[in-house]
Amino acid sequence: MANTPARTCPLAKKCGGCQLQNLSYDEQLHLKQATAIRLLGRFGHVEEIIGMKDPYHYRNKVQAAFGVNRQGQIISGVYQSASHRIVPVSDCMIEDTVADRIIVTIRGLLKSFKIRPYDEDTGRGTLRHVLVRRGWRSGEILVVLVTAHGMLPGKRNFVRALLQRHPDITTIVQNINAGQTSLVLGPHSEVLYGPGYIHEQLGDFTFRISPRAFYQINPVQTEVLYRTALDYAGLTGKETVVDAYCGTGTITLCLAREAGREPERRARDRRGKQPRRRARRDQQREGEPRGQRPLLHRRRERLPAGHGQGQ
């Protein structure tokens, strides 16, 4: 078990984002260990849970709902458990600190640009959520502005203002979610700045992560998890490994080197030349210089001063 300083979340009673943040991290691990033994102990020995050395600010995907409080002030945070009431959050103890600061900046910019948060009851307003993904190893940052419709007042100037305050942002995307739904992201997106995705390294592999892509949110424990799974698998190089419902294929690729067959690659070869042409096109796209980041792909706008080629 980990031995970390006792620390609990001050918003645990209101915030619906976590279930165990009212407990210290060691208490969380003990509870999870007891649960695992209760559910799995009758089938065999349950190993001790491998905890983190520093279980804070690890979450590389942060999303915040936006709204207005009773005083008419714009707030952002997490929905209270079993409700759509927003609990204001500016600094979450498990979220990436850079992502939190970007969300706070966006909250401050809304008033200047006369952008109102979306109101579910009246159907008025624009901004529903903000999602930020940050590469733990790459340092690249993806910001997604989720709006209720395609109109985003002063979007070009808004992007400039955000980049001036956070020049380390890699790409900004507007996602449109016009449905009456609890889902955060809608089906349509428009790239406002950069390539529309970020890269992240896991082991010896580099993954391209878009707004809707699934990727593990705890990069430190992901590497521990995959390394442990590989050790327990005890592959000899003669096995066929199938990773069902694999998302971006992170586990598949990490195990593929130790396995004897790669069925997914063989299936691609049987489909003919088209997948290979698509792969070459993707490789060319991946190989574009990092400095070439088009703003508003449709119109190829020039970037604001200080955010141009190679910046």
C-alpha atoms as a PDB file:
ATOM      1  CA  MET A   1       0.000   0.000   0.000  1.00  0.00           C
ATOM      2  CA  ALA A   2       1.042   3.581  -0.575  1.00  0.00           C
ATOM      3  CA  ASN A   3       2.094   5.771   2.326  1.00  0.00           C
ATOM      4  CA  THR A   4       0.982   9.278   1.369  1.00  0.00           C
ATOM      5  CA  PRO A   5       0.115  12.282   3.546  1.00  0.00           C
ATOM      6  CA  ALA A   6      -3.537  12.317   4.592  1.00  0.00           C
ATOM      7  CA  ARG A   7      -5.458  14.682   2.336  1.00  0.00           C
ATOM      8  CA  THR A   8      -9.155  14.853   1.546  1.00  0.00           C
ATOM      9  CA  CYS A   9     -11.150  16.942  -0.895  1.00  0.00           C
ATOM     10  CA  PRO A  10     -12.985  19.936   0.624  1.00  0.00           C
ATOM     11  CA  LEU A  11     -15.740  19.587  -2.016  1.00  0.00           C
ATOM     12  CA  ALA A  12     -16.295  15.847  -1.550  1.00  0.00           C
ATOM     13  CA  LYS A  13     -19.750  16.237   0.032  1.00  0.00           C
ATOM     14  CA  LYS A  14     -21.080  18.320  -2.883  1.00  0.00           C
ATOM     15  CA  CYS A  15     -19.092  17.379  -5.962  1.00  0.00           C
ATOM     16  CA  GLY A  16     -20.324  14.425  -7.982  1.00  0.00           C
ATOM     17  CA  GLY A  17     -17.043  13.872  -9.804  1.00  0.00           C
ATOM     18  CA  CYS A  18     -15.548  11.350  -7.368  1.00  0.00           C
ATOM     19  CA  GLN A  19     -16.876   8.807  -4.893  1.00  0.00           C
ATOM     20  CA  LEU A  20     -13.967   8.335  -2.473  1.00  0.00           C
ATOM     21  CA  GLN A  21     -12.298  11.737  -2.140  1.00  0.00           C
ATOM     22  CA  ASN A  22     -13.733  12.092   1.367  1.00  0.00           C
ATOM     23  CA  LEU A  23     -11.162   9.455   2.350  1.00  0.00           C
ATOM     24  CA  SER A  24      -7.389   9.734   2.489  1.00  0.00           C
ATOM     25  CA  TYR A  25      -5.565   7.923  -0.307  1.00  0.00           C
ATOM     26  CA  ASP A  26      -4.421   5.124   2.009  1.00  0.00           C
ATOM     27  CA  GLU A  27      -8.013   4.661   3.173  1.00  0.00           C
ATOM     28  CA  GLN A  28      -9.135   4.503  -0.458  1.00  0.00           C
ATOM     29  CA  LEU A  29      -6.617   1.751  -1.192  1.00  0.00           C
ATOM     30  CA  HIS A  30      -7.666  -0.256   1.864  1.00  0.00           C
ATOM     31  CA  LEU A  31     -11.328   0.013   0.815  1.00  0.00           C
ATOM     32  CA  LYS A  32     -10.545  -1.076  -2.744  1.00  0.00           C
ATOM     33  CA  GLN A  33      -8.404  -3.967  -1.486  1.00  0.00           C
ATOM     34  CA  ALA A  34     -11.218  -5.177   0.756  1.00  0.00           C
ATOM     35  CA  THR A  35     -13.705  -4.896  -2.124  1.00  0.00           C
ATOM     36  CA  ALA A  36     -11.442  -6.873  -4.456  1.00  0.00           C
ATOM     37  CA  ILE A  37     -11.006  -9.624  -1.862  1.00  0.00           C
ATOM     38  CA  ARG A  38     -14.755  -9.764  -1.211  1.00  0.00           C
ATOM     39  CA  LEU A  39     -15.584 -10.093  -4.915  1.00  0.00           C
ATOM     40  CA  LEU A  40     -12.645 -12.164  -6.163  1.00  0.00           C
ATOM     41  CA  GLY A  41     -11.172 -13.879  -3.122  1.00  0.00           C
ATOM     42  CA  ARG A  42     -13.228 -17.037  -3.568  1.00  0.00           C
ATOM     43  CA  PHE A  43     -11.669 -17.571  -6.986  1.00  0.00           C
ATOM     44  CA  GLY A  44      -8.041 -17.262  -5.890  1.00  0.00           C
ATOM     45  CA  HIS A  45      -5.412 -15.150  -4.208  1.00  0.00           C
ATOM     46  CA  VAL A  46      -5.831 -11.377  -4.564  1.00  0.00           C
ATOM     47  CA  GLU A  47      -2.559  -9.485  -4.831  1.00  0.00           C
ATOM     48  CA  GLU A  48      -2.024  -6.188  -3.039  1.00  0.00           C
ATOM     49  CA  ILE A  49      -3.170  -3.125  -4.963  1.00  0.00           C
ATOM     50  CA  ILE A  50      -0.337  -1.079  -6.449  1.00  0.00           C
ATOM     51  CA  GLY A  51      -0.946   2.518  -5.428  1.00  0.00           C
ATOM     52  CA  MET A  52       0.572   5.775  -6.670  1.00  0.00           C
ATOM     53  CA  LYS A  53       3.431   7.590  -4.945  1.00  0.00           C
ATOM     54  CA  ASP A  54       1.791  10.943  -5.708  1.00  0.00           C
ATOM     55  CA  PRO A  55      -1.961  10.462  -6.266  1.00  0.00           C
ATOM     56  CA  TYR A  56      -2.742  14.112  -6.978  1.00  0.00           C
ATOM     57  CA  HIS A  57      -3.195  16.207 -10.133  1.00  0.00           C
ATOM     58  CA  TYR A  58      -2.693  13.165 -12.357  1.00  0.00           C
ATOM     59  CA  ARG A  59      -5.848  13.368 -14.455  1.00  0.00           C
ATOM     60  CA  ASN A  60      -4.856  14.340 -18.027  1.00  0.00           C
ATOM     61  CA  LYS A  61      -8.451  14.857 -19.195  1.00  0.00           C
ATOM     62  CA  VAL A  62     -10.431  17.618 -17.499  1.00  0.00           C
ATOM     63  CA  GLN A  63     -13.936  18.738 -18.361  1.00  0.00           C
ATOM     64  CA  ALA A  64     -16.049  21.445 -16.787  1.00  0.00           C
ATOM     65  CA  ALA A  65     -19.696  22.386 -17.122  1.00  0.00           C
ATOM     66  CA  PHE A  66     -20.522  26.096 -17.409  1.00  0.00           C
ATOM     67  CA  GLY A  67     -23.478  27.950 -15.980  1.00  0.00           C
ATOM     68  CA  VAL A  68     -24.638  31.023 -14.036  1.00  0.00           C
ATOM     69  CA  ASN A  69     -25.228  31.181 -10.283  1.00  0.00           C
ATOM     70  CA  ARG A  70     -28.037  33.006  -8.489  1.00  0.00           C
ATOM     71  CA  GLN A  71     -26.015  36.213  -8.438  1.00  0.00           C
ATOM     72  CA  GLY A  72     -25.663  36.116 -12.221  1.00  0.00           C
ATOM     73  CA  GLN A  73     -21.965  35.218 -12.088  1.00  0.00           C
ATOM     74  CA  ILE A  74     -20.491  32.750 -14.584  1.00  0.00           C
ATOM     75  CA  ILE A  75     -19.328  29.565 -12.876  1.00  0.00           C
ATOM     76  CA  SER A  76     -17.655  26.366 -14.032  1.00  0.00           C
ATOM     77  CA  GLY A  77     -17.151  23.042 -12.348  1.00  0.00           C
ATOM     78  CA  VAL A  78     -18.688  19.607 -11.872  1.00  0.00           C
ATOM     79  CA  TYR A  79     -22.307  18.601 -11.512  1.00  0.00           C
ATOM     80  CA  GLN A  80     -23.454  17.790  -8.014  1.00  0.00           C
ATOM     81  CA  SER A  81     -24.221  14.115  -7.559  1.00  0.00           C
ATOM     82  CA  ALA A  82     -27.594  13.068  -9.057  1.00  0.00           C
ATOM     83  CA  SER A  83     -28.365  16.589 -10.268  1.00  0.00           C
ATOM     84  CA  HIS A  84     -27.503  19.226 -12.864  1.00  0.00           C
ATOM     85  CA  ARG A  85     -26.490  21.799 -10.278  1.00  0.00           C
ATOM     86  CA  ILE A  86     -22.922  22.937 -10.886  1.00  0.00           C
ATOM     87  CA  VAL A  87     -20.450  22.836  -8.008  1.00  0.00           C
ATOM     88  CA  PRO A  88     -17.879  25.584  -8.758  1.00  0.00           C
ATOM     89  CA  VAL A  89     -14.355  24.155  -9.010  1.00  0.00           C
ATOM     90  CA  SER A  90     -11.207  26.148  -9.753  1.00  0.00           C
ATOM     91  CA  ASP A  91      -8.532  23.805  -8.409  1.00  0.00           C
ATOM     92  CA  CYS A  92      -9.295  20.090  -8.260  1.00  0.00           C
ATOM     93  CA  MET A  93      -6.864  17.903  -6.306  1.00  0.00           C
ATOM     94  CA  ILE A  94      -6.819  15.163  -8.965  1.00  0.00           C
ATOM     95  CA  GLU A  95      -7.006  17.248 -12.156  1.00  0.00           C
ATOM     96  CA  ASP A  96      -4.044  18.533 -14.149  1.00  0.00           C
ATOM     97  CA  THR A  97      -3.183  21.991 -12.813  1.00  0.00           C
ATOM     98  CA  VAL A  98      -2.480  23.475 -16.257  1.00  0.00           C
ATOM     99  CA  ALA A  99      -5.880  22.313 -17.504  1.00  0.00           C
ATOM    100  CA  ASP A 100      -7.574  23.840 -14.463  1.00  0.00           C
ATOM    101  CA  ARG A 101      -5.889  27.190 -15.103  1.00  0.00           C
ATOM    102  CA  ILE A 102      -6.997  27.182 -18.748  1.00  0.00           C
ATOM    103  CA  ILE A 103     -10.605  26.579 -17.713  1.00  0.00           C
ATOM    104  CA  VAL A 104     -10.442  29.429 -15.187  1.00  0.00           C
ATOM    105  CA  THR A 105      -9.065  31.702 -17.942  1.00  0.00           C
ATOM    106  CA  ILE A 106     -11.912  30.754 -20.299  1.00  0.00           C
ATOM    107  CA  ARG A 107     -14.416  31.509 -17.553  1.00  0.00           C
ATOM    108  CA  GLY A 108     -12.946  34.984 -17.223  1.00  0.00           C
ATOM    109  CA  LEU A 109     -12.949  35.605 -20.983  1.00  0.00           C
ATOM    110  CA  LEU A 110     -16.634  34.802 -21.455  1.00  0.00           C
ATOM    111  CA  LYS A 111     -17.851  38.085 -19.997  1.00  0.00           C
ATOM    112  CA  SER A 112     -15.425  40.143 -22.106  1.00  0.00           C
ATOM    113  CA  PHE A 113     -16.630  38.465 -25.298  1.00  0.00           C
ATOM    114  CA  LYS A 114     -20.306  38.452 -24.252  1.00  0.00           C
ATOM    115  CA  ILE A 115     -20.522  34.678 -24.503  1.00  0.00           C
ATOM    116  CA  ARG A 116     -23.193  33.271 -22.214  1.00  0.00           C
ATOM    117  CA  PRO A 117     -23.193  29.763 -20.762  1.00  0.00           C
ATOM    118  CA  TYR A 118     -25.930  27.532 -22.105  1.00  0.00           C
ATOM    119  CA  ASP A 119     -29.081  27.274 -19.983  1.00  0.00           C
ATOM    120  CA  GLU A 120     -30.718  23.853 -20.225  1.00  0.00           C
ATOM    121  CA  ASP A 121     -34.070  25.136 -18.995  1.00  0.00           C
ATOM    122  CA  THR A 122     -34.482  28.033 -21.424  1.00  0.00           C
ATOM    123  CA  GLY A 123     -32.373  26.697 -24.304  1.00  0.00           C
ATOM    124  CA  ARG A 124     -30.513  30.002 -24.454  1.00  0.00           C
ATOM    125  CA  GLY A 125     -26.798  30.661 -24.306  1.00  0.00           C
ATOM    126  CA  THR A 126     -23.774  29.219 -26.074  1.00  0.00           C
ATOM    127  CA  LEU A 127     -21.058  27.477 -24.046  1.00  0.00           C
ATOM    128  CA  ARG A 128     -21.977  24.153 -22.471  1.00  0.00           C
ATOM    129  CA  HIS A 129     -18.670  22.581 -21.484  1.00  0.00           C
ATOM    130  CA  VAL A 130     -14.927  22.945 -21.841  1.00  0.00           C
ATOM    131  CA  LEU A 131     -12.729  19.871 -22.199  1.00  0.00           C
ATOM    132  CA  VAL A 132      -8.945  20.015 -21.864  1.00  0.00           C
ATOM    133  CA  ARG A 133      -6.569  17.135 -22.596  1.00  0.00           C
ATOM    134  CA  ARG A 134      -2.853  17.431 -21.829  1.00  0.00           C
ATOM    135  CA  GLY A 135      -0.143  15.002 -22.839  1.00  0.00           C
ATOM    136  CA  TRP A 136       1.779  13.919 -19.754  1.00  0.00           C
ATOM    137  CA  ARG A 137       4.964  13.209 -21.723  1.00  0.00           C
ATOM    138  CA  SER A 138       4.473  15.357 -24.830  1.00  0.00           C
ATOM    139  CA  GLY A 139       3.153  18.415 -22.974  1.00  0.00           C
ATOM    140  CA  GLU A 140       0.765  19.092 -25.884  1.00  0.00           C
ATOM    141  CA  ILE A 141      -2.609  20.597 -24.963  1.00  0.00           C
ATOM    142  CA  LEU A 142      -6.010  20.173 -26.629  1.00  0.00           C
ATOM    143  CA  VAL A 143      -8.825  22.568 -25.697  1.00  0.00           C
ATOM    144  CA  VAL A 144     -12.406  21.762 -26.757  1.00  0.00           C
ATOM    145  CA  LEU A 145     -15.146  24.402 -26.511  1.00  0.00           C
ATOM    146  CA  VAL A 146     -18.486  22.594 -26.481  1.00  0.00           C
ATOM    147  CA  THR A 147     -21.263  24.887 -27.715  1.00  0.00           C
ATOM    148  CA  ALA A 148     -25.017  24.462 -28.105  1.00  0.00           C
ATOM    149  CA  HIS A 149     -24.911  25.679 -31.710  1.00  0.00           C
ATOM    150  CA  GLY A 150     -22.433  26.640 -34.399  1.00  0.00           C
ATOM    151  CA  MET A 151     -22.344  30.337 -33.531  1.00  0.00           C
ATOM    152  CA  LEU A 152     -19.476  31.368 -31.251  1.00  0.00           C
ATOM    153  CA  PRO A 153     -19.348  35.187 -31.051  1.00  0.00           C
ATOM    154  CA  GLY A 154     -15.933  36.635 -31.853  1.00  0.00           C
ATOM    155  CA  LYS A 155     -14.360  33.197 -32.106  1.00  0.00           C
ATOM    156  CA  ARG A 156     -11.191  34.415 -33.847  1.00  0.00           C
ATOM    157  CA  ASN A 157     -10.511  37.072 -31.233  1.00  0.00           C
ATOM    158  CA  PHE A 158     -11.477  34.662 -28.460  1.00  0.00           C
ATOM    159  CA  VAL A 159      -8.896  32.168 -29.735  1.00  0.00           C
ATOM    160  CA  ARG A 160      -6.255  34.914 -29.899  1.00  0.00           C
ATOM    161  CA  ALA A 161      -6.982  36.026 -26.345  1.00  0.00           C
ATOM    162  CA  LEU A 162      -6.799  32.468 -25.029  1.00  0.00           C
ATOM    163  CA  LEU A 163      -3.501  31.828 -26.835  1.00  0.00           C
ATOM    164  CA  GLN A 164      -2.007  35.043 -25.513  1.00  0.00           C
ATOM    165  CA  ARG A 165      -2.681  33.853 -21.970  1.00  0.00           C
ATOM    166  CA  HIS A 166      -1.719  30.226 -22.636  1.00  0.00           C
ATOM    167  CA  PRO A 167       0.745  30.080 -25.563  1.00  0.00           C
ATOM    168  CA  ASP A 168       1.526  26.441 -24.776  1.00  0.00           C
ATOM    169  CA  ILE A 169      -1.884  25.348 -26.135  1.00  0.00           C
ATOM    170  CA  THR A 170      -1.382  23.054 -29.140  1.00  0.00           C
ATOM    171  CA  THR A 171      -4.861  23.080 -30.647  1.00  0.00           C
ATOM    172  CA  ILE A 172      -8.373  24.455 -30.052  1.00  0.00           C
ATOM    173  CA  VAL A 173     -11.553  22.790 -31.323  1.00  0.00           C
ATOM    174  CA  GLN A 174     -15.185  23.875 -31.245  1.00  0.00           C
ATOM    175  CA  ASN A 175     -17.524  20.933 -30.728  1.00  0.00           C
ATOM    176  CA  ILE A 176     -21.240  21.430 -31.393  1.00  0.00           C
ATOM    177  CA  ASN A 177     -23.712  19.621 -29.144  1.00  0.00           C
ATOM    178  CA  ALA A 178     -27.229  20.812 -29.934  1.00  0.00           C
ATOM    179  CA  GLY A 179     -29.036  17.840 -28.403  1.00  0.00           C
ATOM    180  CA  GLN A 180     -30.994  17.589 -25.179  1.00  0.00           C
ATOM    181  CA  THR A 181     -28.547  15.103 -23.728  1.00  0.00           C
ATOM    182  CA  SER A 182     -26.273  14.489 -20.783  1.00  0.00           C
ATOM    183  CA  LEU A 183     -23.424  13.611 -23.147  1.00  0.00           C
ATOM    184  CA  VAL A 184     -20.660  16.205 -23.160  1.00  0.00           C
ATOM    185  CA  LEU A 185     -19.561  16.012 -26.814  1.00  0.00           C
ATOM    186  CA  GLY A 186     -21.734  16.320 -29.886  1.00  0.00           C
ATOM    187  CA  PRO A 187     -21.211  14.729 -33.322  1.00  0.00           C
ATOM    188  CA  HIS A 188     -19.716  17.744 -35.138  1.00  0.00           C
ATOM    189  CA  SER A 189     -16.467  19.639 -34.583  1.00  0.00           C
ATOM    190  CA  GLU A 190     -14.591  22.516 -36.211  1.00  0.00           C
ATOM    191  CA  VAL A 191     -10.886  23.103 -35.717  1.00  0.00           C
ATOM    192  CA  LEU A 192     -10.217  26.696 -34.661  1.00  0.00           C
ATOM    193  CA  TYR A 193      -6.467  26.453 -34.155  1.00  0.00           C
ATOM    194  CA  GLY A 194      -3.803  23.802 -34.690  1.00  0.00           C
ATOM    195  CA  PRO A 195      -4.218  20.289 -36.091  1.00  0.00           C
ATOM    196  CA  GLY A 196      -7.293  19.287 -34.067  1.00  0.00           C
ATOM    197  CA  TYR A 197      -5.460  16.611 -32.069  1.00  0.00           C
ATOM    198  CA  ILE A 198      -2.452  16.110 -29.811  1.00  0.00           C
ATOM    199  CA  HIS A 199       0.198  13.422 -29.527  1.00  0.00           C
ATOM    200  CA  GLU A 200       1.094  11.449 -26.443  1.00  0.00           C
ATOM    201  CA  GLN A 201       3.710   8.801 -25.741  1.00  0.00           C
ATOM    202  CA  LEU A 202       3.039   5.543 -23.958  1.00  0.00           C
ATOM    203  CA  GLY A 203       6.048   3.284 -23.699  1.00  0.00           C
ATOM    204  CA  ASP A 204       7.691   3.236 -27.131  1.00  0.00           C
ATOM    205  CA  PHE A 205       4.503   4.229 -28.955  1.00  0.00           C
ATOM    206  CA  THR A 206       3.066   7.603 -29.950  1.00  0.00           C
ATOM    207  CA  PHE A 207      -0.713   8.030 -30.106  1.00  0.00           C
ATOM    208  CA  ARG A 208      -2.742  10.730 -31.809  1.00  0.00           C
ATOM    209  CA  ILE A 209      -5.568  11.851 -29.507  1.00  0.00           C
ATOM    210  CA  SER A 210      -8.608  13.705 -30.836  1.00  0.00           C
ATOM    211  CA  PRO A 211     -11.464  15.222 -28.781  1.00  0.00           C
ATOM    212  CA  ARG A 212     -13.583  12.058 -28.968  1.00  0.00           C
ATOM    213  CA  ALA A 213     -10.771   9.502 -28.649  1.00  0.00           C
ATOM    214  CA  PHE A 214     -10.628   7.211 -25.630  1.00  0.00           C
ATOM    215  CA  TYR A 215      -7.331   7.330 -23.780  1.00  0.00           C
ATOM    216  CA  GLN A 216      -6.407   6.404 -20.223  1.00  0.00           C
ATOM    217  CA  ILE A 217      -6.728   9.416 -17.911  1.00  0.00           C
ATOM    218  CA  ASN A 218      -4.016   8.380 -15.427  1.00  0.00           C
ATOM    219  CA  PRO A 219      -0.766   8.196 -17.420  1.00  0.00           C
ATOM    220  CA  VAL A 220       1.432   7.177 -14.496  1.00  0.00           C
ATOM    221  CA  GLN A 221      -0.700   4.230 -13.439  1.00  0.00           C
ATOM    222  CA  THR A 222      -1.396   3.275 -17.052  1.00  0.00           C
ATOM    223  CA  GLU A 223       2.259   2.380 -17.543  1.00  0.00           C
ATOM    224  CA  VAL A 224       2.265   0.483 -14.239  1.00  0.00           C
ATOM    225  CA  LEU A 225      -0.932  -1.339 -15.224  1.00  0.00           C
ATOM    226  CA  TYR A 226       0.291  -2.375 -18.669  1.00  0.00           C
ATOM    227  CA  ARG A 227       3.699  -3.455 -17.383  1.00  0.00           C
ATOM    228  CA  THR A 228       2.039  -5.554 -14.683  1.00  0.00           C
ATOM    229  CA  ALA A 229      -0.414  -7.092 -17.171  1.00  0.00           C
ATOM    230  CA  LEU A 230       2.463  -7.989 -19.480  1.00  0.00           C
ATOM    231  CA  ASP A 231       4.379  -9.615 -16.620  1.00  0.00           C
ATOM    232  CA  TYR A 232       1.343 -11.650 -15.557  1.00  0.00           C
ATOM    233  CA  ALA A 233       0.575 -12.692 -19.150  1.00  0.00           C
ATOM    234  CA  GLY A 234       3.938 -14.450 -19.362  1.00  0.00           C
ATOM    235  CA  LEU A 235       3.917 -14.411 -23.161  1.00  0.00           C
ATOM    236  CA  THR A 236       6.431 -16.679 -24.902  1.00  0.00           C
ATOM    237  CA  GLY A 237       6.044 -15.327 -28.431  1.00  0.00           C
ATOM    238  CA  LYS A 238       3.828 -18.194 -29.610  1.00  0.00           C
ATOM    239  CA  GLU A 239       0.447 -16.803 -28.547  1.00  0.00           C
ATOM    240  CA  THR A 240      -2.295 -14.982 -30.432  1.00  0.00           C
ATOM    241  CA  VAL A 241      -3.464 -12.001 -28.389  1.00  0.00           C
ATOM    242  CA  VAL A 242      -6.922 -10.527 -29.039  1.00  0.00           C
ATOM    243  CA  ASP A 243      -7.796  -7.192 -27.412  1.00  0.00           C
ATOM    244  CA  ALA A 244     -11.568  -6.765 -27.740  1.00  0.00           C
ATOM    245  CA  TYR A 245     -13.098  -3.281 -27.425  1.00  0.00           C
ATOM    246  CA  CYS A 246      -9.579  -1.890 -27.526  1.00  0.00           C
ATOM    247  CA  GLY A 247     -10.235   1.859 -27.927  1.00  0.00           C
ATOM    248  CA  THR A 248      -7.027   3.371 -29.271  1.00  0.00           C
ATOM    249  CA  GLY A 249      -5.307   0.000 -28.998  1.00  0.00           C
ATOM    250  CA  THR A 250      -2.836   0.898 -26.259  1.00  0.00           C
ATOM    251  CA  ILE A 251      -2.832  -2.521 -24.578  1.00  0.00           C
ATOM    252  CA  THR A 252      -2.800  -4.290 -27.945  1.00  0.00           C
ATOM    253  CA  LEU A 253       0.326  -2.528 -29.125  1.00  0.00           C
ATOM    254  CA  CYS A 254       2.146  -3.011 -25.835  1.00  0.00           C
ATOM    255  CA  LEU A 255       1.426  -6.761 -25.913  1.00  0.00           C
ATOM    256  CA  ALA A 256       1.967  -7.218 -29.659  1.00  0.00           C
ATOM    257  CA  ARG A 257       5.744  -7.275 -29.395  1.00  0.00           C
ATOM    258  CA  GLU A 258       5.628 -10.255 -27.054  1.00  0.00           C
ATOM    259  CA  ALA A 259       2.941 -12.208 -28.959  1.00  0.00           C
ATOM    260  CA  GLY A 260       3.379 -14.540 -31.891  1.00  0.00           C
ATOM    261  CA  ARG A 261       0.656 -13.221 -34.192  1.00  0.00           C
ATOM    262  CA  GLU A 262      -0.948  -9.880 -35.004  1.00  0.00           C
ATOM    263  CA  PRO A 263      -4.380 -10.796 -36.499  1.00  0.00           C
ATOM    264  CA  GLU A 264      -5.407  -7.161 -36.965  1.00  0.00           C
ATOM    265  CA  ARG A 265      -2.465  -6.513 -39.293  1.00  0.00           C
ATOM    266  CA  ARG A 266      -3.221  -9.647 -41.333  1.00  0.00           C
ATOM    267  CA  ALA A 267      -6.840  -8.513 -41.715  1.00  0.00           C
ATOM    268  CA  ARG A 268      -5.710  -5.146 -43.047  1.00  0.00           C
ATOM    269  CA  ASP A 269      -3.535  -6.817 -45.657  1.00  0.00           C
ATOM    270  CA  ARG A 270      -6.480  -8.845 -46.968  1.00  0.00           C
ATOM    271  CA  ARG A 271      -8.532  -5.702 -47.578  1.00  0.00           C
ATOM    272  CA  GLY A 272      -6.230  -4.588 -50.364  1.00  0.00           C
ATOM    273  CA  LYS A 273      -4.363  -1.414 -51.222  1.00  0.00           C
ATOM    274  CA  GLN A 274      -6.789   1.237 -49.986  1.00  0.00           C
ATOM    275  CA  PRO A 275      -5.844   0.921 -46.295  1.00  0.00           C
ATOM    276  CA  ARG A 276      -2.168   1.218 -47.230  1.00  0.00           C
ATOM    277  CA  ARG A 277      -2.842   4.401 -49.217  1.00  0.00           C
ATOM    278  CA  ARG A 278      -4.732   5.789 -46.235  1.00  0.00           C
ATOM    279  CA  ALA A 279      -1.846   4.794 -43.965  1.00  0.00           C
ATOM    280  CA  ARG A 280       0.645   6.633 -46.189  1.00  0.00           C
ATOM    281  CA  ARG A 281      -1.575   9.720 -46.148  1.00  0.00           C
ATOM    282  CA  ASP A 282      -1.789   9.562 -42.356  1.00  0.00           C
ATOM    283  CA  GLN A 283       1.971   9.172 -42.120  1.00  0.00           C
ATOM    284  CA  GLN A 284       2.437  12.268 -44.250  1.00  0.00           C
ATOM    285  CA  ARG A 285       0.035  14.173 -42.026  1.00  0.00           C
ATOM    286  CA  GLU A 286       1.854  12.966 -38.928  1.00  0.00           C
ATOM    287  CA  GLY A 287       5.149  14.036 -40.493  1.00  0.00           C
ATOM    288  CA  GLU A 288       4.143  17.682 -40.975  1.00  0.00           C
ATOM    289  CA  PRO A 289       6.340  20.123 -39.066  1.00  0.00           C
ATOM    290  CA  ARG A 290       4.923  20.979 -35.647  1.00  0.00           C
ATOM    291  CA  GLY A 291       5.031  24.688 -36.459  1.00  0.00           C
ATOM    292  CA  GLN A 292       2.513  24.379 -39.306  1.00  0.00           C
ATOM    293  CA  ARG A 293      -0.734  24.787 -37.390  1.00  0.00           C
ATOM    294  CA  PRO A 294      -3.563  26.194 -39.523  1.00  0.00           C
ATOM    295  CA  LEU A 295      -6.090  28.418 -37.780  1.00  0.00           C
ATOM    296  CA  LEU A 296      -9.627  27.741 -39.009  1.00  0.00           C
ATOM    297  CA  HIS A 297      -8.821  25.074 -41.597  1.00  0.00           C
ATOM    298  CA  ARG A 298     -11.510  26.260 -43.977  1.00  0.00           C
ATOM    299  CA  ARG A 299     -10.118  29.754 -44.353  1.00  0.00           C
ATOM    300  CA  ARG A 300      -6.422  29.396 -43.437  1.00  0.00           C
ATOM    301  CA  GLU A 301      -6.454  32.505 -41.280  1.00  0.00           C
ATOM    302  CA  ARG A 302      -3.208  34.088 -40.163  1.00  0.00           C
ATOM    303  CA  LEU A 303      -2.270  33.553 -36.536  1.00  0.00           C
ATOM    304  CA  PRO A 304      -2.030  36.383 -34.024  1.00  0.00           C
ATOM    305  CA  ALA A 305       1.357  37.961 -33.406  1.00  0.00           C
ATOM    306  CA  GLY A 306       3.558  35.680 -31.358  1.00  0.00           C
ATOM    307  CA  HIS A 307       1.702  32.516 -32.400  1.00  0.00           C
ATOM    308  CA  GLY A 308       2.908  31.996 -35.941  1.00  0.00           C
ATOM    309  CA  GLN A 309       5.073  29.446 -37.674  1.00  0.00           C
ATOM    310  CA  GLY A 310       7.493  27.699 -35.406  1.00  0.00           C
ATOM    311  CA  GLN A 311       6.290  29.413 -32.230  1.00  0.00           C
END
